[in-house]
Amino acid sequence: MNKINLKSTLYFFLAILFLSIKSYAKNDYDSSKISEQTKEIVKRIEKINILMGEFVGQAPRRPQQYENFEELKKKTSFEELRMLTDHPNGVVRCYAFWALAHNENVDLFSIVKTHLIDDATIETLFGCTGSVEKVGDVFINIVTPKYFDLNIKKLNEKESKALDSLLIYKNNNLDSRFTAIENVEINELLYPRIRELVTKFHNQSALATLSKYRKENDIQLILKNKGEDKSFFYTYKAIQNFPDSKFFPLLEKNLMQTLDNDHFDYDWRELYKAIATYKNTKAVDLLTIPFTKVKHQNIKKYHIDFIYDAILVNESSLYDDLLWKIWEEENIITLKGFKYLLKTNPSKTYELSKQNLLKNYNGNHENVTPFIDESIFADGLKETMLNFILANERNLAYNIISNQILESDVHDFEMYCKKVLELKETTFVEPLFKRLQTENNPNVYLQIVETLISFKDKDINKRILETRKENKNMNQNWGSDSLDQILEKNNIK
């Protein structure tokens, strides 16, 4: 963006800030403009006093509060809803604004602006997740694209940028302000305000943004920074944006202080990312220390996990040996790490994949370049590894599937059944029946039955019924009822 455009943009935002913002105040509410019918609905919302989504709980159900919201939406006029956004009760304000967002002709931006200082807190419950949020944040979440209810009106790009600018320049206590500060596109005109937020208000998100300017006179500000509870979280975030050599002694000192801890801290995740950002031999040396110097072995795994994540965020050939070490010695591997190492050394990746999936695999250690194409990649790591082996050694892959049918837990079992359904190989029938004979988890034995039925073989269907008689677990509780439905659907009697 050129200098003229920067000035124009700033003037536009400041004009919005000083000319069109009014302070939010609950005394804007006039109850005389609300009908008795609407007041009754509002009273029910106030009584429950929780902002709820359409479905809540572990066994999702539609709560009465959402029914109240639906009634508010249908029976309340636009003028009433607009007035209710200033109601004294925060939950009512949120539901009223949410209802307004279903109207394409409403100027939502003008309403959101009046609630930037609406920091009253309310309880919320969406699905299984309950939290406490500020009303102004809820308003902003409602109109944020690709967030909240996706079937309602959202702010356009120009309004979203203007809102972010208002959050940054107008003093407020909303959590949305931190997001706006962290995601803002930096420019020189914005720099004084970001620095002021750090120096005057100790805003930690602003520190991370300030570091993106990489200015020499901010180094001491970053070095001296500590967040709540003396946390270095945002200091480390800032160093990731500005990996100056002057920060390295701090990183080394803080790393050494973690090695004898008997508990872990999530700040360490950002500490290791900050170290890995440097991509030099000194960084490698520091990242290697926890492998041997951590005092408590149960805490070591957290260090290694954080190191692994940090390396993948800061890919460099300097860290390749550490990645291999983490996979071979710590058995830590993710799909992203797998893909990276596959490009680095396909043969070694192939051998380690076989070790991961096949118990007691000794390996042939031949330096053979395996066949690779895009078809091997799946959404999950284990399925990707299995596809990799299927593409190169089909018989070995079949052996792996058979073994995993017998041994895998409920989380992985679905994937192996899916693979059996794809391959339609009768080789897998016997291991499936062997597992079915003793299985007590309905989530597993129901998958086995459906997989066996897919072979469309009368003898197999007959064996399912016989096995059910032998395995009493298949005749209990909800699993038995679900099994009855599967058998009836497939006309198996």
Protein backbone atom coordinates (compact mmCIF):
# COMPACT_ATOMS: atom_id res chain seq x y z
CA MET A 1 0.00 0.00 0.00
CA ASN A 2 1.52 3.40 -0.96
CA LYS A 3 1.83 6.39 1.37
CA ILE A 4 -1.24 8.23 0.02
CA ASN A 5 -3.42 5.16 0.39
CA LEU A 6 -2.16 4.60 3.93
CA LYS A 7 -3.15 8.11 4.93
CA SER A 8 -6.53 7.80 3.25
CA THR A 9 -7.20 4.53 5.02
CA LEU A 10 -6.23 5.95 8.39
CA TYR A 11 -8.42 9.05 7.91
CA PHE A 12 -11.33 6.82 6.92
CA PHE A 13 -10.99 4.73 10.08
CA LEU A 14 -10.57 7.77 12.32
CA ALA A 15 -13.63 9.39 10.79
CA ILE A 16 -15.64 6.29 11.65
CA LEU A 17 -14.20 6.29 15.14
CA PHE A 18 -14.88 9.90 16.08
CA LEU A 19 -17.98 10.73 14.05
CA SER A 20 -20.11 7.61 14.07
CA ILE A 21 -19.42 5.92 17.41
CA LYS A 22 -21.71 6.58 20.30
CA SER A 23 -21.10 5.13 23.72
CA TYR A 24 -23.13 2.05 24.52
CA ALA A 25 -25.52 2.58 27.40
CA LYS A 26 -28.30 0.35 28.67
CA ASN A 27 -30.42 3.47 29.34
CA ASP A 28 -31.05 3.68 25.58
CA TYR A 29 -33.61 0.97 26.19
CA ASP A 30 -37.28 2.07 26.23
CA SER A 31 -39.58 -0.70 27.46
CA SER A 32 -42.68 1.25 26.38
CA LYS A 33 -41.82 0.40 22.78
CA ILE A 34 -41.99 -3.35 23.45
CA SER A 35 -45.28 -5.25 23.14
CA GLU A 36 -46.63 -7.39 25.97
CA GLN A 37 -46.23 -10.50 23.80
CA THR A 38 -42.56 -9.75 23.25
CA LYS A 39 -42.04 -8.91 26.92
CA GLU A 40 -43.32 -12.38 27.81
CA ILE A 41 -40.80 -14.04 25.49
CA VAL A 42 -38.03 -11.84 26.86
CA LYS A 43 -38.99 -12.79 30.41
CA ARG A 44 -38.52 -16.50 29.58
CA ILE A 45 -35.11 -15.79 28.02
CA GLU A 46 -34.07 -13.79 31.10
CA LYS A 47 -35.15 -16.58 33.44
CA ILE A 48 -32.84 -19.16 31.82
CA ASN A 49 -30.24 -16.43 31.23
CA ILE A 50 -27.87 -18.50 29.09
CA LEU A 51 -27.19 -17.96 25.39
CA MET A 52 -27.70 -21.41 23.85
CA GLY A 53 -27.28 -22.81 20.38
CA GLU A 54 -29.76 -25.00 18.54
CA PHE A 55 -28.36 -28.21 20.05
CA VAL A 56 -26.66 -28.64 23.41
CA GLY A 57 -25.32 -31.47 25.57
CA GLN A 58 -23.37 -34.66 24.92
CA ALA A 59 -26.52 -36.31 23.55
CA PRO A 60 -27.53 -33.25 21.49
CA ARG A 61 -30.99 -31.90 22.23
CA ARG A 62 -32.77 -28.71 21.28
CA PRO A 63 -33.09 -26.64 24.48
CA GLN A 64 -36.12 -24.60 25.54
CA GLN A 65 -33.98 -21.46 25.39
CA TYR A 66 -33.48 -21.93 21.66
CA GLU A 67 -37.23 -22.38 21.28
CA ASN A 68 -37.59 -19.03 23.04
CA PHE A 69 -35.16 -17.53 20.54
CA GLU A 70 -37.12 -18.97 17.61
CA GLU A 71 -40.29 -17.43 18.99
CA LEU A 72 -38.55 -14.09 19.48
CA LYS A 73 -37.35 -14.20 15.89
CA LYS A 74 -40.81 -14.98 14.47
CA LYS A 75 -43.07 -12.80 16.62
CA THR A 76 -40.98 -9.69 17.25
CA SER A 77 -40.88 -6.73 14.88
CA PHE A 78 -37.71 -5.22 13.50
CA GLU A 79 -38.17 -2.08 15.63
CA GLU A 80 -38.58 -4.17 18.78
CA LEU A 81 -35.51 -6.28 18.04
CA ARG A 82 -33.49 -3.14 17.41
CA MET A 83 -34.61 -1.77 20.78
CA LEU A 84 -33.88 -5.09 22.50
CA THR A 85 -30.22 -4.88 21.48
CA ASP A 86 -30.07 -2.25 24.25
CA HIS A 87 -32.01 -4.33 26.80
CA PRO A 88 -30.48 -4.40 30.32
CA ASN A 89 -30.04 -8.20 30.12
CA GLY A 90 -26.98 -9.30 28.11
CA VAL A 91 -28.46 -12.60 26.90
CA VAL A 92 -31.53 -10.75 25.57
CA ARG A 93 -29.28 -8.27 23.78
CA CYS A 94 -27.40 -11.12 22.08
CA TYR A 95 -30.51 -13.00 20.99
CA ALA A 96 -32.08 -9.79 19.66
CA PHE A 97 -28.98 -9.04 17.58
CA TRP A 98 -28.79 -12.64 16.38
CA ALA A 99 -32.43 -12.42 15.27
CA LEU A 100 -31.73 -9.16 13.42
CA ALA A 101 -28.87 -10.85 11.55
CA HIS A 102 -31.47 -13.02 9.79
CA ASN A 103 -32.69 -9.87 8.02
CA GLU A 104 -30.64 -9.03 4.93
CA ASN A 105 -31.65 -5.37 5.06
CA VAL A 106 -30.35 -4.60 8.55
CA ASP A 107 -27.27 -2.41 9.00
CA LEU A 108 -25.50 -4.73 11.45
CA PHE A 109 -22.27 -2.74 11.37
CA SER A 110 -23.91 0.34 12.89
CA ILE A 111 -25.26 -1.79 15.77
CA VAL A 112 -21.97 -3.60 16.42
CA LYS A 113 -20.15 -0.27 16.69
CA THR A 114 -22.37 0.83 19.58
CA HIS A 115 -21.45 -2.30 21.50
CA LEU A 116 -17.67 -2.15 21.32
CA ILE A 117 -17.62 -1.17 25.00
CA ASP A 118 -20.36 -3.65 25.93
CA ASP A 119 -18.19 -5.86 28.11
CA ALA A 120 -20.94 -7.31 30.30
CA THR A 121 -20.39 -11.06 30.63
CA ILE A 122 -22.93 -13.80 29.91
CA GLU A 123 -22.92 -17.59 30.01
CA THR A 124 -23.04 -19.39 26.65
CA LEU A 125 -23.64 -23.02 25.71
CA PHE A 126 -23.15 -24.38 22.20
CA GLY A 127 -23.03 -28.15 21.79
CA CYS A 128 -21.02 -29.47 24.75
CA THR A 129 -19.03 -26.26 25.14
CA GLY A 130 -20.00 -23.80 27.82
CA SER A 131 -18.14 -20.56 28.45
CA VAL A 132 -18.39 -17.00 29.72
CA GLU A 133 -18.23 -14.33 27.02
CA LYS A 134 -18.60 -10.58 26.73
CA VAL A 135 -21.69 -9.33 24.96
CA GLY A 136 -19.70 -7.19 22.54
CA ASP A 137 -17.63 -10.23 21.57
CA VAL A 138 -20.79 -12.24 20.92
CA PHE A 139 -22.09 -9.46 18.64
CA ILE A 140 -18.81 -9.50 16.72
CA ASN A 141 -18.80 -13.31 16.49
CA ILE A 142 -22.32 -13.26 15.06
CA VAL A 143 -21.31 -11.03 12.12
CA THR A 144 -17.86 -12.55 11.52
CA PRO A 145 -17.71 -14.45 8.19
CA LYS A 146 -17.21 -18.23 8.41
CA TYR A 147 -18.06 -18.20 12.11
CA PHE A 148 -21.07 -18.71 14.34
CA ASP A 149 -24.39 -19.20 12.48
CA LEU A 150 -23.39 -19.43 8.81
CA ASN A 151 -26.94 -18.83 7.52
CA ILE A 152 -27.13 -15.19 8.58
CA LYS A 153 -25.91 -11.86 7.27
CA LYS A 154 -22.23 -11.08 7.84
CA LEU A 155 -20.05 -7.99 7.57
CA ASN A 156 -18.48 -7.38 4.18
CA GLU A 157 -14.72 -7.05 3.78
CA LYS A 158 -14.69 -3.26 4.08
CA GLU A 159 -16.83 -3.35 7.25
CA SER A 160 -14.67 -6.10 8.77
CA LYS A 161 -11.49 -4.06 8.25
CA ALA A 162 -13.16 -0.96 9.67
CA LEU A 163 -14.31 -2.95 12.70
CA ASP A 164 -10.79 -4.26 13.30
CA SER A 165 -9.47 -0.71 13.15
CA LEU A 166 -12.07 0.48 15.65
CA LEU A 167 -11.16 -2.35 18.00
CA ILE A 168 -7.53 -1.28 17.85
CA TYR A 169 -8.00 2.50 18.15
CA LYS A 170 -10.98 2.67 20.52
CA ASN A 171 -10.27 1.73 24.12
CA ASN A 172 -12.29 -1.37 24.97
CA ASN A 173 -12.03 -4.59 26.97
CA LEU A 174 -13.30 -7.03 24.34
CA ASP A 175 -11.38 -10.22 23.61
CA SER A 176 -11.98 -9.49 19.91
CA ARG A 177 -9.54 -6.63 20.27
CA PHE A 178 -6.66 -9.06 20.80
CA THR A 179 -7.59 -10.95 17.63
CA ALA A 180 -7.81 -7.71 15.65
CA ILE A 181 -4.41 -6.58 16.91
CA GLU A 182 -2.75 -9.92 16.16
CA ASN A 183 -4.19 -10.17 12.63
CA VAL A 184 -3.88 -6.55 11.51
CA GLU A 185 -1.86 -5.84 8.36
CA ILE A 186 1.00 -3.72 9.66
CA ASN A 187 1.99 -0.35 8.20
CA GLU A 188 4.03 2.61 9.45
CA LEU A 189 1.00 4.76 10.26
CA LEU A 190 -0.28 2.05 12.59
CA TYR A 191 3.06 1.59 14.38
CA PRO A 192 2.68 4.41 16.99
CA ARG A 193 -0.71 3.06 18.12
CA ILE A 194 0.58 -0.52 18.41
CA ARG A 195 3.59 0.65 20.43
CA GLU A 196 1.34 2.74 22.68
CA LEU A 197 -0.82 -0.31 23.38
CA VAL A 198 2.32 -2.08 24.59
CA THR A 199 3.95 0.71 26.57
CA LYS A 200 0.81 2.28 28.05
CA PHE A 201 -1.57 -0.66 28.37
CA HIS A 202 0.83 -3.64 28.46
CA ASN A 203 -1.25 -5.27 25.71
CA GLN A 204 0.41 -8.61 24.97
CA SER A 205 -1.18 -9.14 21.55
CA ALA A 206 0.16 -5.73 20.56
CA LEU A 207 3.67 -6.87 21.57
CA ALA A 208 3.48 -9.75 19.10
CA THR A 209 2.30 -7.36 16.37
CA LEU A 210 4.91 -4.75 17.27
CA SER A 211 7.65 -7.35 16.75
CA LYS A 212 6.61 -7.72 13.11
CA TYR A 213 8.08 -4.27 12.45
CA ARG A 214 11.51 -5.63 13.51
CA LYS A 215 12.69 -2.29 14.85
CA GLU A 216 15.93 -2.06 16.84
CA ASN A 217 14.41 0.29 19.42
CA ASP A 218 11.79 -2.35 20.35
CA ILE A 219 14.29 -5.05 21.31
CA GLN A 220 14.61 -3.96 24.95
CA LEU A 221 10.83 -3.62 25.19
CA ILE A 222 10.47 -7.26 24.12
CA LEU A 223 13.30 -8.45 26.37
CA LYS A 224 11.78 -6.84 29.45
CA ASN A 225 8.24 -8.04 28.72
CA LYS A 226 6.38 -10.48 30.97
CA GLY A 227 2.70 -11.23 30.78
CA GLU A 228 0.27 -12.28 33.48
CA ASP A 229 1.79 -14.57 36.12
CA LYS A 230 5.23 -13.60 34.76
CA SER A 231 4.52 -15.54 31.56
CA PHE A 232 6.91 -15.31 28.60
CA PHE A 233 4.25 -16.56 26.16
CA TYR A 234 3.97 -13.34 24.13
CA THR A 235 7.67 -12.60 24.51
CA TYR A 236 8.33 -15.89 22.70
CA LYS A 237 5.65 -15.06 20.11
CA ALA A 238 7.37 -11.74 19.49
CA ILE A 239 10.78 -13.38 19.09
CA GLN A 240 9.30 -15.74 16.49
CA ASN A 241 8.45 -12.66 14.42
CA PHE A 242 11.79 -10.97 15.12
CA PRO A 243 14.56 -13.58 15.64
CA ASP A 244 17.34 -11.16 16.49
CA SER A 245 20.54 -12.57 17.99
CA LYS A 246 20.06 -10.37 21.09
CA PHE A 247 17.15 -12.58 22.17
CA PHE A 248 19.10 -15.83 22.09
CA PRO A 249 20.63 -15.57 25.59
CA LEU A 250 17.14 -15.18 27.06
CA LEU A 251 15.91 -18.27 25.22
CA GLU A 252 18.90 -20.31 26.35
CA LYS A 253 18.56 -19.17 29.96
CA ASN A 254 14.82 -19.94 30.07
CA LEU A 255 15.30 -23.34 28.44
CA MET A 256 17.85 -24.35 31.07
CA GLN A 257 15.41 -23.40 33.82
CA THR A 258 12.82 -25.87 32.49
CA LEU A 259 15.01 -28.97 32.59
CA ASP A 260 14.51 -29.88 36.25
CA ASN A 261 10.80 -28.98 36.42
CA ASP A 262 8.44 -31.70 37.61
CA HIS A 263 5.54 -30.20 35.63
CA PHE A 264 5.26 -28.74 32.16
CA ASP A 265 4.12 -25.30 31.01
CA TYR A 266 2.44 -24.48 27.71
CA ASP A 267 4.77 -21.49 27.40
CA TRP A 268 7.40 -24.07 26.43
CA ARG A 269 5.62 -24.69 23.14
CA GLU A 270 6.25 -21.09 22.12
CA LEU A 271 9.77 -21.18 23.60
CA TYR A 272 10.77 -24.00 21.28
CA LYS A 273 9.13 -22.32 18.29
CA ALA A 274 11.14 -19.20 19.07
CA ILE A 275 14.37 -21.21 19.19
CA ALA A 276 13.57 -23.10 15.99
CA THR A 277 12.88 -19.82 14.18
CA TYR A 278 16.63 -19.10 14.09
CA LYS A 279 17.44 -22.11 11.84
CA ASN A 280 21.13 -22.19 12.74
CA THR A 281 23.52 -24.57 14.47
CA LYS A 282 23.03 -22.83 17.84
CA ALA A 283 19.32 -23.51 17.56
CA VAL A 284 20.04 -27.17 16.80
CA ASP A 285 22.23 -27.39 19.89
CA LEU A 286 19.51 -25.97 22.13
CA LEU A 287 16.80 -28.18 20.64
CA THR A 288 18.99 -31.23 21.28
CA ILE A 289 19.51 -30.54 24.99
CA PRO A 290 16.14 -31.86 26.30
CA PHE A 291 16.75 -35.32 24.84
CA THR A 292 19.35 -36.02 27.52
CA LYS A 293 19.13 -33.25 30.12
CA VAL A 294 15.50 -33.30 31.29
CA LYS A 295 15.49 -34.50 34.89
CA HIS A 296 12.00 -36.07 35.02
CA GLN A 297 11.32 -38.61 32.27
CA ASN A 298 7.55 -38.15 32.47
CA ILE A 299 8.06 -34.46 31.61
CA LYS A 300 10.54 -35.22 28.82
CA LYS A 301 7.73 -36.28 26.48
CA TYR A 302 6.24 -32.78 26.64
CA HIS A 303 9.58 -31.23 25.71
CA ILE A 304 9.96 -33.59 22.76
CA ASP A 305 6.38 -33.00 21.58
CA PHE A 306 6.94 -29.25 21.64
CA ILE A 307 10.29 -29.55 19.86
CA TYR A 308 8.67 -31.68 17.16
CA ASP A 309 5.92 -29.11 16.56
CA ALA A 310 8.44 -26.26 16.53
CA ILE A 311 10.58 -27.96 13.88
CA LEU A 312 7.61 -28.62 11.61
CA VAL A 313 6.60 -24.96 11.84
CA ASN A 314 10.18 -23.96 10.94
CA GLU A 315 11.20 -26.60 8.39
CA SER A 316 14.93 -26.71 7.71
CA SER A 317 17.34 -29.43 6.65
CA LEU A 318 19.33 -28.51 9.77
CA TYR A 319 16.58 -30.13 11.85
CA ASP A 320 16.17 -33.32 9.78
CA ASP A 321 18.30 -35.47 12.08
CA LEU A 322 16.21 -34.38 15.05
CA LEU A 323 12.99 -35.30 13.23
CA TRP A 324 14.30 -38.77 12.45
CA LYS A 325 15.48 -39.17 16.04
CA ILE A 326 12.05 -38.19 17.36
CA TRP A 327 10.35 -40.74 15.11
CA GLU A 328 12.80 -43.59 15.69
CA GLU A 329 13.47 -43.16 19.40
CA GLU A 330 10.37 -41.39 20.72
CA ASN A 331 7.82 -42.87 18.30
CA ILE A 332 6.37 -39.44 17.57
CA ILE A 333 5.18 -38.86 14.01
CA THR A 334 2.34 -36.85 12.47
CA LEU A 335 0.97 -36.76 8.94
CA LYS A 336 2.69 -33.44 8.29
CA GLY A 337 6.01 -34.81 9.57
CA PHE A 338 5.55 -38.00 7.56
CA LYS A 339 5.06 -36.05 4.33
CA TYR A 340 8.15 -33.94 5.01
CA LEU A 341 10.37 -36.92 5.79
CA LEU A 342 9.00 -38.84 2.82
CA LYS A 343 10.39 -36.16 0.52
CA THR A 344 13.69 -36.23 2.42
CA ASN A 345 14.28 -39.99 2.44
CA PRO A 346 11.54 -42.23 0.90
CA SER A 347 13.30 -45.52 1.74
CA LYS A 348 13.77 -44.73 5.41
CA THR A 349 10.21 -43.43 5.68
CA TYR A 350 8.93 -46.65 4.15
CA GLU A 351 10.85 -48.85 6.60
CA LEU A 352 9.69 -46.86 9.61
CA SER A 353 6.10 -46.99 8.36
CA LYS A 354 6.28 -50.79 8.38
CA GLN A 355 7.71 -50.72 11.91
CA ASN A 356 4.86 -48.49 13.03
CA LEU A 357 2.09 -50.73 11.70
CA LEU A 358 3.50 -54.24 12.06
CA LYS A 359 4.32 -55.56 15.50
CA ASN A 360 7.78 -57.18 15.83
CA TYR A 361 8.79 -56.09 12.33
CA ASN A 362 12.53 -56.62 11.94
CA GLY A 363 12.98 -54.91 8.60
CA ASN A 364 15.03 -55.87 5.58
CA HIS A 365 16.96 -52.55 5.63
CA GLU A 366 17.39 -52.67 1.87
CA ASN A 367 17.87 -49.27 0.31
CA VAL A 368 15.01 -49.70 -2.15
CA THR A 369 13.21 -46.65 -3.48
CA PRO A 370 9.50 -47.29 -2.93
CA PHE A 371 6.73 -46.38 -5.34
CA ILE A 372 4.91 -43.17 -4.35
CA ASP A 373 1.99 -41.32 -5.87
CA GLU A 374 -0.76 -39.04 -4.62
CA SER A 375 -3.17 -41.94 -4.11
CA ILE A 376 -1.36 -43.06 -0.95
CA PHE A 377 -2.23 -39.89 0.97
CA ALA A 378 -5.32 -40.05 3.18
CA ASP A 379 -6.70 -37.80 5.92
CA GLY A 380 -5.10 -39.92 8.63
CA LEU A 381 -1.49 -40.93 9.24
CA LYS A 382 -2.04 -44.66 9.74
CA GLU A 383 -4.19 -44.98 6.64
CA THR A 384 -1.55 -43.10 4.64
CA MET A 385 1.16 -45.48 5.90
CA LEU A 386 -1.03 -48.48 5.09
CA ASN A 387 -1.72 -47.16 1.57
CA PHE A 388 2.01 -46.63 1.14
CA ILE A 389 2.68 -50.27 1.99
CA LEU A 390 -0.25 -51.48 -0.13
CA ALA A 391 1.25 -49.69 -3.12
CA ASN A 392 4.57 -51.53 -2.66
CA GLU A 393 4.07 -54.83 -0.81
CA ARG A 394 0.46 -55.98 -1.03
CA ASN A 395 0.96 -59.23 0.88
CA LEU A 396 2.68 -57.44 3.75
CA ALA A 397 -0.15 -54.89 3.84
CA TYR A 398 -2.69 -57.73 4.03
CA ASN A 399 -0.73 -59.18 6.94
CA ILE A 400 -0.84 -55.81 8.70
CA ILE A 401 -4.60 -55.48 8.18
CA SER A 402 -5.22 -58.99 9.52
CA ASN A 403 -3.12 -58.32 12.62
CA GLN A 404 -4.74 -54.96 13.25
CA ILE A 405 -8.23 -56.44 12.93
CA LEU A 406 -7.31 -58.60 15.91
CA GLU A 407 -5.45 -56.01 17.97
CA SER A 408 -6.41 -52.43 17.14
CA ASP A 409 -8.52 -50.36 19.55
CA VAL A 410 -11.91 -48.88 18.75
CA HIS A 411 -10.38 -45.64 17.42
CA ASP A 412 -8.30 -47.31 14.71
CA PHE A 413 -10.59 -50.25 14.03
CA GLU A 414 -12.93 -48.29 11.76
CA MET A 415 -10.09 -47.49 9.39
CA TYR A 416 -9.10 -51.14 8.99
CA CYS A 417 -12.71 -52.16 8.37
CA LYS A 418 -12.92 -49.41 5.77
CA LYS A 419 -9.87 -50.87 4.06
CA VAL A 420 -11.44 -54.36 4.08
CA LEU A 421 -14.56 -52.90 2.44
CA GLU A 422 -12.39 -51.35 -0.27
CA LEU A 423 -10.31 -54.47 -0.95
CA LYS A 424 -13.12 -57.06 -0.63
CA GLU A 425 -10.52 -59.79 0.05
CA THR A 426 -11.80 -62.99 1.69
CA THR A 427 -8.41 -63.20 3.44
CA PHE A 428 -9.84 -60.94 6.13
CA VAL A 429 -12.95 -62.98 6.88
CA GLU A 430 -11.28 -65.29 9.41
CA PRO A 431 -9.59 -62.55 11.50
CA LEU A 432 -12.89 -60.65 11.51
CA PHE A 433 -14.72 -63.68 12.88
CA LYS A 434 -11.96 -64.37 15.39
CA ARG A 435 -12.36 -60.84 16.81
CA LEU A 436 -16.16 -61.14 16.67
CA GLN A 437 -16.16 -64.27 18.85
CA THR A 438 -15.01 -62.38 21.95
CA GLU A 439 -15.61 -58.70 21.24
CA ASN A 440 -17.64 -56.84 23.87
CA ASN A 441 -17.60 -53.30 22.46
CA PRO A 442 -20.70 -52.64 20.32
CA ASN A 443 -18.84 -50.00 18.30
CA VAL A 444 -16.45 -52.74 17.19
CA TYR A 445 -18.68 -55.78 16.76
CA LEU A 446 -21.30 -53.80 14.81
CA GLN A 447 -18.59 -52.66 12.38
CA ILE A 448 -17.39 -56.25 12.04
CA VAL A 449 -20.90 -57.49 11.23
CA GLU A 450 -21.48 -54.77 8.63
CA THR A 451 -18.09 -55.49 7.07
CA LEU A 452 -18.78 -59.24 6.90
CA ILE A 453 -22.24 -58.65 5.39
CA SER A 454 -20.62 -56.61 2.61
CA PHE A 455 -19.16 -59.84 1.19
CA LYS A 456 -22.73 -60.89 0.29
CA ASP A 457 -22.05 -64.52 1.13
CA LYS A 458 -24.80 -66.71 2.62
CA ASP A 459 -22.33 -68.87 4.53
CA ILE A 460 -20.75 -65.79 6.10
CA ASN A 461 -24.19 -64.49 7.10
CA LYS A 462 -25.00 -67.83 8.69
CA ARG A 463 -21.74 -67.71 10.68
CA ILE A 464 -22.66 -64.23 11.97
CA LEU A 465 -25.84 -65.65 13.52
CA GLU A 466 -23.95 -68.60 15.00
CA THR A 467 -21.26 -66.35 16.45
CA ARG A 468 -23.90 -64.14 18.01
CA LYS A 469 -25.24 -67.16 19.92
CA GLU A 470 -21.75 -67.91 21.23
CA ASN A 471 -20.82 -64.31 22.15
CA LYS A 472 -23.32 -63.14 24.79
CA ASN A 473 -21.93 -59.61 24.59
CA MET A 474 -23.70 -59.24 21.26
CA ASN A 475 -27.09 -59.73 22.92
CA GLN A 476 -26.98 -56.97 25.50
CA ASN A 477 -28.16 -53.36 25.74
CA TRP A 478 -28.15 -50.92 22.80
CA GLY A 479 -25.62 -52.96 20.83
CA SER A 480 -28.06 -55.85 20.61
CA ASP A 481 -30.85 -53.54 19.40
CA SER A 482 -28.59 -52.01 16.75
CA LEU A 483 -27.47 -55.47 15.63
CA ASP A 484 -31.11 -56.54 15.25
CA GLN A 485 -31.70 -53.56 12.97
CA ILE A 486 -28.63 -54.34 10.83
CA LEU A 487 -29.63 -57.99 10.41
CA GLU A 488 -33.24 -57.13 9.64
CA LYS A 489 -32.20 -54.51 7.09
CA ASN A 490 -30.10 -57.15 5.29
CA ASN A 491 -32.76 -59.86 5.66
CA ILE A 492 -30.49 -62.10 7.73
CA LYS A 493 -32.51 -64.46 10.00
